[in-house]
Amino acid sequence: MTDEPWLIVGTGAMAGLFAARLAAAGESVMMLGTWRAALDALRTHGLRWRDERGREQTYPVRVADPEGPLAARGALVLVKAWQTERVAQQLAARLPATTPVLTLQNGLGPQDVLRAALGAARVTVGVTTYAARVLAPGMVQATGSGSVDLARTPQGAFWAAALRRAGFVVHMHEDVRGLLWGKLAINAAINPLTALLDVPNGALLDDPAARLFMAQAAREVARVAAAQGIALPFDDPVARAFEVARRTAANSSSMREDLRRGAPTEIDAICGAVARRGREVGQPAPLNEALWMMVREAVTRRRAVQARTLDG
């Protein structure tokens, strides 16, 4: 077994979840990020982890040198979609050309960016339904069980073995496009509405208008996928979106949290990607287009309010 660590690219909730599970299995872990408070906490305290039962543990992790070479057994990319271009260039310059890369990011677009920068052969694309939230910089809590779904390729098998050793449930598939679009349907139905209404996931189900918007957004994604010959991994995208919102009722979506902070969201890679692809294939997605514009405008307005507050 090599002494090289697993490189986790990101320091947010999902990065912390995968880093903690790998470290708990005895693996060496190194984290790469730009969130200064999280990096300082990781250096000082290690990665603090709280599982689904509320039990806490701290794991030592290395913080990657922001300028040095990145020697790693494999790199798992878990940054927000809008950060992918920067990360792809960073990895292309500093990661050895033979190091396998796995992306489990949300939305459409990050996968193509990584493949273009690093070479398609070594980039494995997957989907995960595990969930976590940040309690404090460098401290993460699991908020639900799930699975990891990967393409059935030699590189996919490499990652499946590594993740299974760390206790992750992993499924292999001949084609992950349907899985990506399936998750896209759920994200498009839940995330922008929770952000715009400023409510947890489950509250959408209590609002008749929100339920209608959820249903339309999910159906639009399914129609755009079908226009490309892509079948979703479930028969009814609306029922699945409702089921996920019910199962994660207490969760606050990352898009909601981003909007609250006035931070960039993943709306371009979710509803924006659906709207753009829909236009390309002649299958309009008007609600996704509207949600895309509304979330972008909401972020702009939130930043303006924050700027006025700072100005006194």
C-alpha atoms as a PDB file:
ATOM      1  CA  MET A   1       0.000   0.000   0.000  1.00  0.00           C
ATOM      2  CA  THR A   2       1.337   3.432  -0.923  1.00  0.00           C
ATOM      3  CA  ASP A   3       1.989   6.083   1.704  1.00  0.00           C
ATOM      4  CA  GLU A   4       0.522   8.755  -0.530  1.00  0.00           C
ATOM      5  CA  PRO A   5      -2.704  10.295   0.797  1.00  0.00           C
ATOM      6  CA  TRP A   6      -6.082  10.597  -0.813  1.00  0.00           C
ATOM      7  CA  LEU A   7      -6.534  14.174  -1.984  1.00  0.00           C
ATOM      8  CA  ILE A   8      -9.921  15.697  -1.177  1.00  0.00           C
ATOM      9  CA  VAL A   9     -10.430  18.837  -3.242  1.00  0.00           C
ATOM     10  CA  GLY A  10     -12.684  21.100  -1.207  1.00  0.00           C
ATOM     11  CA  THR A  11     -13.260  21.891   2.469  1.00  0.00           C
ATOM     12  CA  GLY A  12     -17.054  22.092   2.618  1.00  0.00           C
ATOM     13  CA  ALA A  13     -19.687  19.646   3.810  1.00  0.00           C
ATOM     14  CA  MET A  14     -19.288  16.869   1.247  1.00  0.00           C
ATOM     15  CA  ALA A  15     -15.507  17.185   1.206  1.00  0.00           C
ATOM     16  CA  GLY A  16     -15.531  16.828   4.982  1.00  0.00           C
ATOM     17  CA  LEU A  17     -17.832  13.810   4.833  1.00  0.00           C
ATOM     18  CA  PHE A  18     -15.630  11.871   2.428  1.00  0.00           C
ATOM     19  CA  ALA A  19     -12.434  12.950   4.180  1.00  0.00           C
ATOM     20  CA  ALA A  20     -13.767  11.836   7.563  1.00  0.00           C
ATOM     21  CA  ARG A  21     -14.972   8.456   6.323  1.00  0.00           C
ATOM     22  CA  LEU A  22     -11.659   7.748   4.603  1.00  0.00           C
ATOM     23  CA  ALA A  23      -9.674   8.853   7.664  1.00  0.00           C
ATOM     24  CA  ALA A  24     -11.871   6.725   9.933  1.00  0.00           C
ATOM     25  CA  ALA A  25     -10.921   3.715   7.798  1.00  0.00           C
ATOM     26  CA  GLY A  26      -7.256   4.383   8.495  1.00  0.00           C
ATOM     27  CA  GLU A  27      -6.481   6.118   5.217  1.00  0.00           C
ATOM     28  CA  SER A  28      -4.154   9.102   4.951  1.00  0.00           C
ATOM     29  CA  VAL A  29      -6.086  12.167   3.793  1.00  0.00           C
ATOM     30  CA  MET A  30      -4.986  15.540   2.460  1.00  0.00           C
ATOM     31  CA  MET A  31      -7.415  18.409   1.808  1.00  0.00           C
ATOM     32  CA  LEU A  32      -7.015  21.209  -0.718  1.00  0.00           C
ATOM     33  CA  GLY A  33      -9.097  24.360  -0.539  1.00  0.00           C
ATOM     34  CA  THR A  34      -9.315  28.129  -0.352  1.00  0.00           C
ATOM     35  CA  TRP A  35     -11.626  28.611   2.667  1.00  0.00           C
ATOM     36  CA  ARG A  36      -9.108  30.139   5.054  1.00  0.00           C
ATOM     37  CA  ALA A  37     -11.115  29.569   8.249  1.00  0.00           C
ATOM     38  CA  ALA A  38     -11.581  25.876   7.449  1.00  0.00           C
ATOM     39  CA  LEU A  39      -7.915  25.404   6.552  1.00  0.00           C
ATOM     40  CA  ASP A  40      -6.837  27.061   9.807  1.00  0.00           C
ATOM     41  CA  ALA A  41      -9.227  24.821  11.769  1.00  0.00           C
ATOM     42  CA  LEU A  42      -7.956  21.694  10.020  1.00  0.00           C
ATOM     43  CA  ARG A  43      -4.362  22.592  10.826  1.00  0.00           C
ATOM     44  CA  THR A  44      -5.157  23.412  14.459  1.00  0.00           C
ATOM     45  CA  HIS A  45      -7.743  20.808  15.428  1.00  0.00           C
ATOM     46  CA  GLY A  46      -7.934  18.282  12.617  1.00  0.00           C
ATOM     47  CA  LEU A  47     -11.217  17.401  10.922  1.00  0.00           C
ATOM     48  CA  ARG A  48     -14.062  17.319  13.434  1.00  0.00           C
ATOM     49  CA  TRP A  49     -16.819  14.900  12.474  1.00  0.00           C
ATOM     50  CA  ARG A  50     -20.284  14.237  13.899  1.00  0.00           C
ATOM     51  CA  ASP A  51     -22.105  11.149  12.638  1.00  0.00           C
ATOM     52  CA  GLU A  52     -25.850  10.615  12.174  1.00  0.00           C
ATOM     53  CA  ARG A  53     -26.199   9.602  15.843  1.00  0.00           C
ATOM     54  CA  GLY A  54     -24.476  12.717  17.098  1.00  0.00           C
ATOM     55  CA  ARG A  55     -21.225  10.983  18.057  1.00  0.00           C
ATOM     56  CA  GLU A  56     -18.162  13.162  17.541  1.00  0.00           C
ATOM     57  CA  GLN A  57     -14.663  12.229  16.459  1.00  0.00           C
ATOM     58  CA  THR A  58     -11.625  14.175  15.302  1.00  0.00           C
ATOM     59  CA  TYR A  59      -9.356  12.934  12.530  1.00  0.00           C
ATOM     60  CA  PRO A  60      -5.914  14.219  11.588  1.00  0.00           C
ATOM     61  CA  VAL A  61      -5.753  15.404   7.993  1.00  0.00           C
ATOM     62  CA  ARG A  62      -3.023  17.150   6.070  1.00  0.00           C
ATOM     63  CA  VAL A  63      -3.617  20.527   4.457  1.00  0.00           C
ATOM     64  CA  ALA A  64      -2.188  20.670   0.950  1.00  0.00           C
ATOM     65  CA  ASP A  65       0.481  23.230   0.162  1.00  0.00           C
ATOM     66  CA  PRO A  66      -1.307  25.746  -2.089  1.00  0.00           C
ATOM     67  CA  GLU A  67       1.803  26.118  -4.249  1.00  0.00           C
ATOM     68  CA  GLY A  68       3.526  22.727  -4.102  1.00  0.00           C
ATOM     69  CA  PRO A  69       3.102  19.465  -6.046  1.00  0.00           C
ATOM     70  CA  LEU A  70       0.132  17.257  -5.181  1.00  0.00           C
ATOM     71  CA  ALA A  71       1.314  13.663  -4.825  1.00  0.00           C
ATOM     72  CA  ALA A  72      -1.774  11.550  -4.119  1.00  0.00           C
ATOM     73  CA  ARG A  73      -3.237   8.080  -4.675  1.00  0.00           C
ATOM     74  CA  GLY A  74      -6.305   9.712  -6.146  1.00  0.00           C
ATOM     75  CA  ALA A  75      -8.052  13.088  -6.175  1.00  0.00           C
ATOM     76  CA  LEU A  76     -11.737  13.368  -5.235  1.00  0.00           C
ATOM     77  CA  VAL A  77     -13.223  16.669  -6.438  1.00  0.00           C
ATOM     78  CA  LEU A  78     -16.016  18.014  -4.224  1.00  0.00           C
ATOM     79  CA  VAL A  79     -15.980  21.766  -4.799  1.00  0.00           C
ATOM     80  CA  LYS A  80     -18.965  23.814  -5.949  1.00  0.00           C
ATOM     81  CA  ALA A  81     -19.600  23.746  -9.691  1.00  0.00           C
ATOM     82  CA  TRP A  82     -18.547  27.368 -10.196  1.00  0.00           C
ATOM     83  CA  GLN A  83     -15.135  26.626  -8.648  1.00  0.00           C
ATOM     84  CA  THR A  84     -14.321  23.824 -11.087  1.00  0.00           C
ATOM     85  CA  GLU A  85     -12.439  25.833 -13.711  1.00  0.00           C
ATOM     86  CA  ARG A  86      -9.935  27.083 -11.142  1.00  0.00           C
ATOM     87  CA  VAL A  87      -9.554  23.637  -9.574  1.00  0.00           C
ATOM     88  CA  ALA A  88      -9.122  21.945 -12.955  1.00  0.00           C
ATOM     89  CA  GLN A  89      -6.238  24.242 -13.863  1.00  0.00           C
ATOM     90  CA  GLN A  90      -4.693  23.767 -10.433  1.00  0.00           C
ATOM     91  CA  LEU A  91      -4.829  19.980 -10.716  1.00  0.00           C
ATOM     92  CA  ALA A  92      -3.566  20.005 -14.298  1.00  0.00           C
ATOM     93  CA  ALA A  93      -0.485  21.938 -13.204  1.00  0.00           C
ATOM     94  CA  ARG A  94       0.275  20.149  -9.930  1.00  0.00           C
ATOM     95  CA  LEU A  95      -1.185  16.635  -9.977  1.00  0.00           C
ATOM     96  CA  PRO A  96       0.877  13.839 -11.572  1.00  0.00           C
ATOM     97  CA  ALA A  97      -0.529  12.867 -14.955  1.00  0.00           C
ATOM     98  CA  THR A  98      -1.236   9.293 -13.828  1.00  0.00           C
ATOM     99  CA  THR A  99      -3.273  10.178 -10.720  1.00  0.00           C
ATOM    100  CA  PRO A 100      -6.932   9.079 -10.998  1.00  0.00           C
ATOM    101  CA  VAL A 101      -9.575  11.763 -10.473  1.00  0.00           C
ATOM    102  CA  LEU A 102     -13.198  11.337  -9.352  1.00  0.00           C
ATOM    103  CA  THR A 103     -15.874  14.029  -9.439  1.00  0.00           C
ATOM    104  CA  LEU A 104     -19.094  13.697  -7.440  1.00  0.00           C
ATOM    105  CA  GLN A 105     -20.155  17.296  -8.015  1.00  0.00           C
ATOM    106  CA  ASN A 106     -23.665  18.593  -8.584  1.00  0.00           C
ATOM    107  CA  GLY A 107     -25.000  19.791 -11.892  1.00  0.00           C
ATOM    108  CA  LEU A 108     -23.822  19.631 -15.477  1.00  0.00           C
ATOM    109  CA  GLY A 109     -20.590  21.171 -16.680  1.00  0.00           C
ATOM    110  CA  PRO A 110     -17.978  20.382 -14.018  1.00  0.00           C
ATOM    111  CA  GLN A 111     -17.434  16.948 -15.519  1.00  0.00           C
ATOM    112  CA  ASP A 112     -16.594  18.352 -18.958  1.00  0.00           C
ATOM    113  CA  VAL A 113     -14.306  21.008 -17.479  1.00  0.00           C
ATOM    114  CA  LEU A 114     -12.285  18.404 -15.590  1.00  0.00           C
ATOM    115  CA  ARG A 115     -12.086  16.057 -18.568  1.00  0.00           C
ATOM    116  CA  ALA A 116     -10.892  18.844 -20.841  1.00  0.00           C
ATOM    117  CA  ALA A 117      -8.176  19.941 -18.424  1.00  0.00           C
ATOM    118  CA  LEU A 118      -7.017  16.537 -17.159  1.00  0.00           C
ATOM    119  CA  GLY A 119      -7.886  14.085 -19.925  1.00  0.00           C
ATOM    120  CA  ALA A 120     -11.105  12.110 -20.124  1.00  0.00           C
ATOM    121  CA  ALA A 121      -9.416   8.751 -19.521  1.00  0.00           C
ATOM    122  CA  ARG A 122      -8.481   9.451 -15.928  1.00  0.00           C
ATOM    123  CA  VAL A 123     -11.601  11.360 -14.813  1.00  0.00           C
ATOM    124  CA  THR A 124     -14.350   9.179 -13.356  1.00  0.00           C
ATOM    125  CA  VAL A 125     -17.813  10.719 -13.122  1.00  0.00           C
ATOM    126  CA  GLY A 126     -20.179   9.721 -10.360  1.00  0.00           C
ATOM    127  CA  VAL A 127     -23.194  10.727  -8.323  1.00  0.00           C
ATOM    128  CA  THR A 128     -23.705  10.566  -4.584  1.00  0.00           C
ATOM    129  CA  THR A 129     -26.786  10.803  -2.392  1.00  0.00           C
ATOM    130  CA  TYR A 130     -24.869  11.088   0.875  1.00  0.00           C
ATOM    131  CA  ALA A 131     -25.579  14.349   2.684  1.00  0.00           C
ATOM    132  CA  ALA A 132     -23.785  16.490   5.232  1.00  0.00           C
ATOM    133  CA  ARG A 133     -23.708  20.028   6.573  1.00  0.00           C
ATOM    134  CA  VAL A 134     -21.023  22.318   7.922  1.00  0.00           C
ATOM    135  CA  LEU A 135     -21.380  23.057  11.639  1.00  0.00           C
ATOM    136  CA  ALA A 136     -18.303  25.285  11.782  1.00  0.00           C
ATOM    137  CA  PRO A 137     -15.134  25.679   9.733  1.00  0.00           C
ATOM    138  CA  GLY A 138     -13.455  22.272   9.775  1.00  0.00           C
ATOM    139  CA  MET A 139     -16.450  20.613  11.470  1.00  0.00           C
ATOM    140  CA  VAL A 140     -19.018  18.578   9.520  1.00  0.00           C
ATOM    141  CA  GLN A 141     -22.100  16.549  10.436  1.00  0.00           C
ATOM    142  CA  ALA A 142     -23.648  13.711   8.447  1.00  0.00           C
ATOM    143  CA  THR A 143     -27.317  14.389   7.701  1.00  0.00           C
ATOM    144  CA  GLY A 144     -28.301  11.218   5.922  1.00  0.00           C
ATOM    145  CA  SER A 145     -27.131   7.925   4.521  1.00  0.00           C
ATOM    146  CA  GLY A 146     -26.877   7.319   0.811  1.00  0.00           C
ATOM    147  CA  SER A 147     -24.782   5.728  -1.891  1.00  0.00           C
ATOM    148  CA  VAL A 148     -22.195   6.481  -4.550  1.00  0.00           C
ATOM    149  CA  ASP A 149     -22.945   5.564  -8.172  1.00  0.00           C
ATOM    150  CA  LEU A 150     -20.032   5.221 -10.588  1.00  0.00           C
ATOM    151  CA  ALA A 151     -19.389   4.339 -14.201  1.00  0.00           C
ATOM    152  CA  ARG A 152     -18.342   0.724 -14.745  1.00  0.00           C
ATOM    153  CA  THR A 153     -14.813   1.381 -16.004  1.00  0.00           C
ATOM    154  CA  PRO A 154     -11.355   0.338 -14.758  1.00  0.00           C
ATOM    155  CA  GLN A 155     -10.996   3.724 -13.083  1.00  0.00           C
ATOM    156  CA  GLY A 156     -14.492   3.400 -11.670  1.00  0.00           C
ATOM    157  CA  ALA A 157     -13.551   0.022 -10.189  1.00  0.00           C
ATOM    158  CA  PHE A 158     -10.472   1.614  -8.597  1.00  0.00           C
ATOM    159  CA  TRP A 159     -12.611   4.223  -6.871  1.00  0.00           C
ATOM    160  CA  ALA A 160     -15.324   1.737  -5.924  1.00  0.00           C
ATOM    161  CA  ALA A 161     -12.782  -0.432  -4.108  1.00  0.00           C
ATOM    162  CA  ALA A 162     -11.327   2.550  -2.244  1.00  0.00           C
ATOM    163  CA  LEU A 163     -14.702   3.908  -1.175  1.00  0.00           C
ATOM    164  CA  ARG A 164     -16.041   0.513  -0.146  1.00  0.00           C
ATOM    165  CA  ARG A 165     -13.022   0.035   2.118  1.00  0.00           C
ATOM    166  CA  ALA A 166     -14.137   3.218   3.856  1.00  0.00           C
ATOM    167  CA  GLY A 167     -17.662   1.883   4.324  1.00  0.00           C
ATOM    168  CA  PHE A 168     -19.405   3.690   1.479  1.00  0.00           C
ATOM    169  CA  VAL A 169     -22.191   1.930  -0.405  1.00  0.00           C
ATOM    170  CA  VAL A 170     -21.125   1.931  -4.064  1.00  0.00           C
ATOM    171  CA  HIS A 171     -23.089   0.876  -7.151  1.00  0.00           C
ATOM    172  CA  MET A 172     -21.618   0.477 -10.626  1.00  0.00           C
ATOM    173  CA  HIS A 173     -23.429   1.387 -13.858  1.00  0.00           C
ATOM    174  CA  GLU A 174     -22.782   1.078 -17.567  1.00  0.00           C
ATOM    175  CA  ASP A 175     -23.913   4.657 -18.199  1.00  0.00           C
ATOM    176  CA  VAL A 176     -24.024   7.380 -15.544  1.00  0.00           C
ATOM    177  CA  ARG A 177     -25.718  10.003 -17.729  1.00  0.00           C
ATOM    178  CA  GLY A 178     -29.150   8.974 -16.521  1.00  0.00           C
ATOM    179  CA  LEU A 179     -27.965   9.191 -12.915  1.00  0.00           C
ATOM    180  CA  LEU A 180     -26.565  12.688 -13.475  1.00  0.00           C
ATOM    181  CA  TRP A 181     -29.822  13.847 -15.023  1.00  0.00           C
ATOM    182  CA  GLY A 182     -31.827  12.119 -12.311  1.00  0.00           C
ATOM    183  CA  LYS A 183     -29.990  14.035  -9.612  1.00  0.00           C
ATOM    184  CA  LEU A 184     -30.324  17.171 -11.718  1.00  0.00           C
ATOM    185  CA  ALA A 185     -34.117  16.754 -11.725  1.00  0.00           C
ATOM    186  CA  ILE A 186     -34.186  16.536  -7.933  1.00  0.00           C
ATOM    187  CA  ASN A 187     -31.800  19.454  -7.453  1.00  0.00           C
ATOM    188  CA  ALA A 188     -33.747  21.633  -9.899  1.00  0.00           C
ATOM    189  CA  ALA A 189     -37.010  20.831  -8.134  1.00  0.00           C
ATOM    190  CA  ILE A 190     -35.774  21.520  -4.601  1.00  0.00           C
ATOM    191  CA  ASN A 191     -32.713  23.751  -4.365  1.00  0.00           C
ATOM    192  CA  PRO A 192     -33.784  26.989  -6.095  1.00  0.00           C
ATOM    193  CA  LEU A 193     -37.179  27.057  -4.408  1.00  0.00           C
ATOM    194  CA  THR A 194     -35.716  26.523  -0.941  1.00  0.00           C
ATOM    195  CA  ALA A 195     -33.289  29.364  -1.676  1.00  0.00           C
ATOM    196  CA  LEU A 196     -35.888  31.794  -3.011  1.00  0.00           C
ATOM    197  CA  LEU A 197     -38.441  31.010  -0.288  1.00  0.00           C
ATOM    198  CA  ASP A 198     -35.746  30.683   2.413  1.00  0.00           C
ATOM    199  CA  VAL A 199     -37.178  27.448   3.811  1.00  0.00           C
ATOM    200  CA  PRO A 200     -35.852  23.955   4.594  1.00  0.00           C
ATOM    201  CA  ASN A 201     -36.514  21.216   2.056  1.00  0.00           C
ATOM    202  CA  GLY A 202     -39.605  19.761   3.697  1.00  0.00           C
ATOM    203  CA  ALA A 203     -41.437  23.092   3.865  1.00  0.00           C
ATOM    204  CA  LEU A 204     -41.848  23.016   0.084  1.00  0.00           C
ATOM    205  CA  LEU A 205     -44.271  20.122   0.448  1.00  0.00           C
ATOM    206  CA  ASP A 206     -46.538  22.199   2.701  1.00  0.00           C
ATOM    207  CA  ASP A 207     -46.971  24.918   0.070  1.00  0.00           C
ATOM    208  CA  PRO A 208     -49.320  24.026  -2.826  1.00  0.00           C
ATOM    209  CA  ALA A 209     -47.676  26.544  -5.162  1.00  0.00           C
ATOM    210  CA  ALA A 210     -44.201  25.272  -4.323  1.00  0.00           C
ATOM    211  CA  ARG A 211     -45.324  21.713  -5.025  1.00  0.00           C
ATOM    212  CA  LEU A 212     -46.559  22.780  -8.462  1.00  0.00           C
ATOM    213  CA  PHE A 213     -43.257  24.478  -9.235  1.00  0.00           C
ATOM    214  CA  MET A 214     -41.326  21.442  -7.994  1.00  0.00           C
ATOM    215  CA  ALA A 215     -43.341  19.187 -10.268  1.00  0.00           C
ATOM    216  CA  GLN A 216     -42.911  21.391 -13.333  1.00  0.00           C
ATOM    217  CA  ALA A 217     -39.173  21.824 -12.793  1.00  0.00           C
ATOM    218  CA  ALA A 218     -38.649  18.068 -12.435  1.00  0.00           C
ATOM    219  CA  ARG A 219     -40.763  17.282 -15.507  1.00  0.00           C
ATOM    220  CA  GLU A 220     -38.838  19.808 -17.593  1.00  0.00           C
ATOM    221  CA  VAL A 221     -35.554  18.132 -16.685  1.00  0.00           C
ATOM    222  CA  ALA A 222     -36.981  14.734 -17.619  1.00  0.00           C
ATOM    223  CA  ARG A 223     -38.180  16.053 -20.991  1.00  0.00           C
ATOM    224  CA  VAL A 224     -34.816  17.637 -21.819  1.00  0.00           C
ATOM    225  CA  ALA A 225     -33.090  14.384 -20.873  1.00  0.00           C
ATOM    226  CA  ALA A 226     -35.492  12.350 -23.017  1.00  0.00           C
ATOM    227  CA  ALA A 227     -34.840  14.648 -25.986  1.00  0.00           C
ATOM    228  CA  GLN A 228     -31.197  13.536 -25.760  1.00  0.00           C
ATOM    229  CA  GLY A 229     -32.084   9.849 -25.471  1.00  0.00           C
ATOM    230  CA  ILE A 230     -31.275   9.786 -21.750  1.00  0.00           C
ATOM    231  CA  ALA A 231     -33.573   7.843 -19.427  1.00  0.00           C
ATOM    232  CA  LEU A 232     -33.779   8.867 -15.787  1.00  0.00           C
ATOM    233  CA  PRO A 233     -33.168   6.115 -13.210  1.00  0.00           C
ATOM    234  CA  PHE A 234     -36.762   6.380 -11.948  1.00  0.00           C
ATOM    235  CA  ASP A 235     -40.142   6.396 -13.660  1.00  0.00           C
ATOM    236  CA  ASP A 236     -41.666   9.446 -11.967  1.00  0.00           C
ATOM    237  CA  PRO A 237     -39.361  12.434 -11.383  1.00  0.00           C
ATOM    238  CA  VAL A 238     -42.056  14.327  -9.497  1.00  0.00           C
ATOM    239  CA  ALA A 239     -42.658  11.516  -7.024  1.00  0.00           C
ATOM    240  CA  ARG A 240     -38.912  11.136  -6.526  1.00  0.00           C
ATOM    241  CA  ALA A 241     -38.424  14.867  -5.900  1.00  0.00           C
ATOM    242  CA  PHE A 242     -41.250  14.851  -3.349  1.00  0.00           C
ATOM    243  CA  GLU A 243     -39.791  11.748  -1.690  1.00  0.00           C
ATOM    244  CA  VAL A 244     -36.341  13.327  -1.390  1.00  0.00           C
ATOM    245  CA  ALA A 245     -37.807  16.554   0.021  1.00  0.00           C
ATOM    246  CA  ARG A 246     -39.744  14.494   2.564  1.00  0.00           C
ATOM    247  CA  ARG A 247     -36.723  12.381   3.514  1.00  0.00           C
ATOM    248  CA  THR A 248     -34.516  15.462   3.895  1.00  0.00           C
ATOM    249  CA  ALA A 249     -37.250  17.658   5.364  1.00  0.00           C
ATOM    250  CA  ALA A 250     -35.080  19.279   8.030  1.00  0.00           C
ATOM    251  CA  ASN A 251     -32.142  19.905   5.694  1.00  0.00           C
ATOM    252  CA  SER A 252     -31.269  23.369   4.442  1.00  0.00           C
ATOM    253  CA  SER A 253     -30.067  23.137   0.847  1.00  0.00           C
ATOM    254  CA  SER A 254     -26.601  24.403   0.006  1.00  0.00           C
ATOM    255  CA  MET A 255     -28.171  26.845  -2.451  1.00  0.00           C
ATOM    256  CA  ARG A 256     -30.264  28.352   0.330  1.00  0.00           C
ATOM    257  CA  GLU A 257     -27.193  28.699   2.539  1.00  0.00           C
ATOM    258  CA  ASP A 258     -25.169  30.215  -0.305  1.00  0.00           C
ATOM    259  CA  LEU A 259     -27.886  32.773  -1.056  1.00  0.00           C
ATOM    260  CA  ARG A 260     -28.147  33.715   2.609  1.00  0.00           C
ATOM    261  CA  ARG A 261     -24.423  34.529   2.576  1.00  0.00           C
ATOM    262  CA  GLY A 262     -24.595  36.316  -0.756  1.00  0.00           C
ATOM    263  CA  ALA A 263     -22.189  33.702  -2.107  1.00  0.00           C
ATOM    264  CA  PRO A 264     -22.183  32.270  -5.642  1.00  0.00           C
ATOM    265  CA  THR A 265     -24.615  29.379  -6.052  1.00  0.00           C
ATOM    266  CA  GLU A 266     -24.677  26.331  -8.319  1.00  0.00           C
ATOM    267  CA  ILE A 267     -27.756  27.589 -10.169  1.00  0.00           C
ATOM    268  CA  ASP A 268     -25.827  27.946 -13.465  1.00  0.00           C
ATOM    269  CA  ALA A 269     -24.912  24.237 -13.381  1.00  0.00           C
ATOM    270  CA  ILE A 270     -28.418  23.136 -12.372  1.00  0.00           C
ATOM    271  CA  CYS A 271     -31.358  25.135 -13.763  1.00  0.00           C
ATOM    272  CA  GLY A 272     -29.085  27.094 -16.080  1.00  0.00           C
ATOM    273  CA  ALA A 273     -27.665  23.905 -17.553  1.00  0.00           C
ATOM    274  CA  VAL A 274     -31.162  22.492 -18.087  1.00  0.00           C
ATOM    275  CA  ALA A 275     -32.333  25.673 -19.820  1.00  0.00           C
ATOM    276  CA  ARG A 276     -29.265  25.861 -22.072  1.00  0.00           C
ATOM    277  CA  ARG A 277     -29.390  22.192 -23.030  1.00  0.00           C
ATOM    278  CA  GLY A 278     -33.125  22.449 -23.601  1.00  0.00           C
ATOM    279  CA  ARG A 279     -32.606  25.221 -26.132  1.00  0.00           C
ATOM    280  CA  GLU A 280     -29.909  23.166 -27.868  1.00  0.00           C
ATOM    281  CA  VAL A 281     -32.183  20.129 -28.310  1.00  0.00           C
ATOM    282  CA  GLY A 282     -35.398  22.045 -29.031  1.00  0.00           C
ATOM    283  CA  GLN A 283     -37.066  21.200 -25.736  1.00  0.00           C
ATOM    284  CA  PRO A 284     -37.763  24.441 -23.828  1.00  0.00           C
ATOM    285  CA  ALA A 285     -37.531  24.484 -20.034  1.00  0.00           C
ATOM    286  CA  PRO A 286     -39.180  27.821 -19.162  1.00  0.00           C
ATOM    287  CA  LEU A 287     -39.480  27.314 -15.414  1.00  0.00           C
ATOM    288  CA  ASN A 288     -35.864  26.238 -15.086  1.00  0.00           C
ATOM    289  CA  GLU A 289     -34.917  29.317 -17.111  1.00  0.00           C
ATOM    290  CA  ALA A 290     -36.981  31.522 -14.787  1.00  0.00           C
ATOM    291  CA  LEU A 291     -35.553  29.952 -11.630  1.00  0.00           C
ATOM    292  CA  TRP A 292     -32.055  30.389 -13.048  1.00  0.00           C
ATOM    293  CA  MET A 293     -32.608  34.114 -13.550  1.00  0.00           C
ATOM    294  CA  MET A 294     -34.425  34.589 -10.235  1.00  0.00           C
ATOM    295  CA  VAL A 295     -31.703  32.991  -8.118  1.00  0.00           C
ATOM    296  CA  ARG A 296     -28.995  34.963  -9.893  1.00  0.00           C
ATOM    297  CA  GLU A 297     -30.926  38.183  -9.262  1.00  0.00           C
ATOM    298  CA  ALA A 298     -31.539  37.211  -5.633  1.00  0.00           C
ATOM    299  CA  VAL A 299     -27.793  36.768  -5.078  1.00  0.00           C
ATOM    300  CA  THR A 300     -27.128  40.187  -6.625  1.00  0.00           C
ATOM    301  CA  ARG A 301     -29.725  41.805  -4.378  1.00  0.00           C
ATOM    302  CA  ARG A 302     -28.410  40.055  -1.274  1.00  0.00           C
ATOM    303  CA  ARG A 303     -24.898  41.281  -2.001  1.00  0.00           C
ATOM    304  CA  ALA A 304     -26.185  44.827  -2.473  1.00  0.00           C
ATOM    305  CA  VAL A 305     -27.937  44.706   0.907  1.00  0.00           C
ATOM    306  CA  GLN A 306     -24.807  43.353   2.562  1.00  0.00           C
ATOM    307  CA  ALA A 307     -22.698  46.087   0.971  1.00  0.00           C
ATOM    308  CA  ARG A 308     -25.058  48.808   2.229  1.00  0.00           C
ATOM    309  CA  THR A 309     -24.960  47.278   5.705  1.00  0.00           C
ATOM    310  CA  LEU A 310     -21.162  47.316   5.722  1.00  0.00           C
ATOM    311  CA  ASP A 311     -21.149  50.914   4.529  1.00  0.00           C
ATOM    312  CA  GLY A 312     -23.266  51.818   7.541  1.00  0.00           C
END
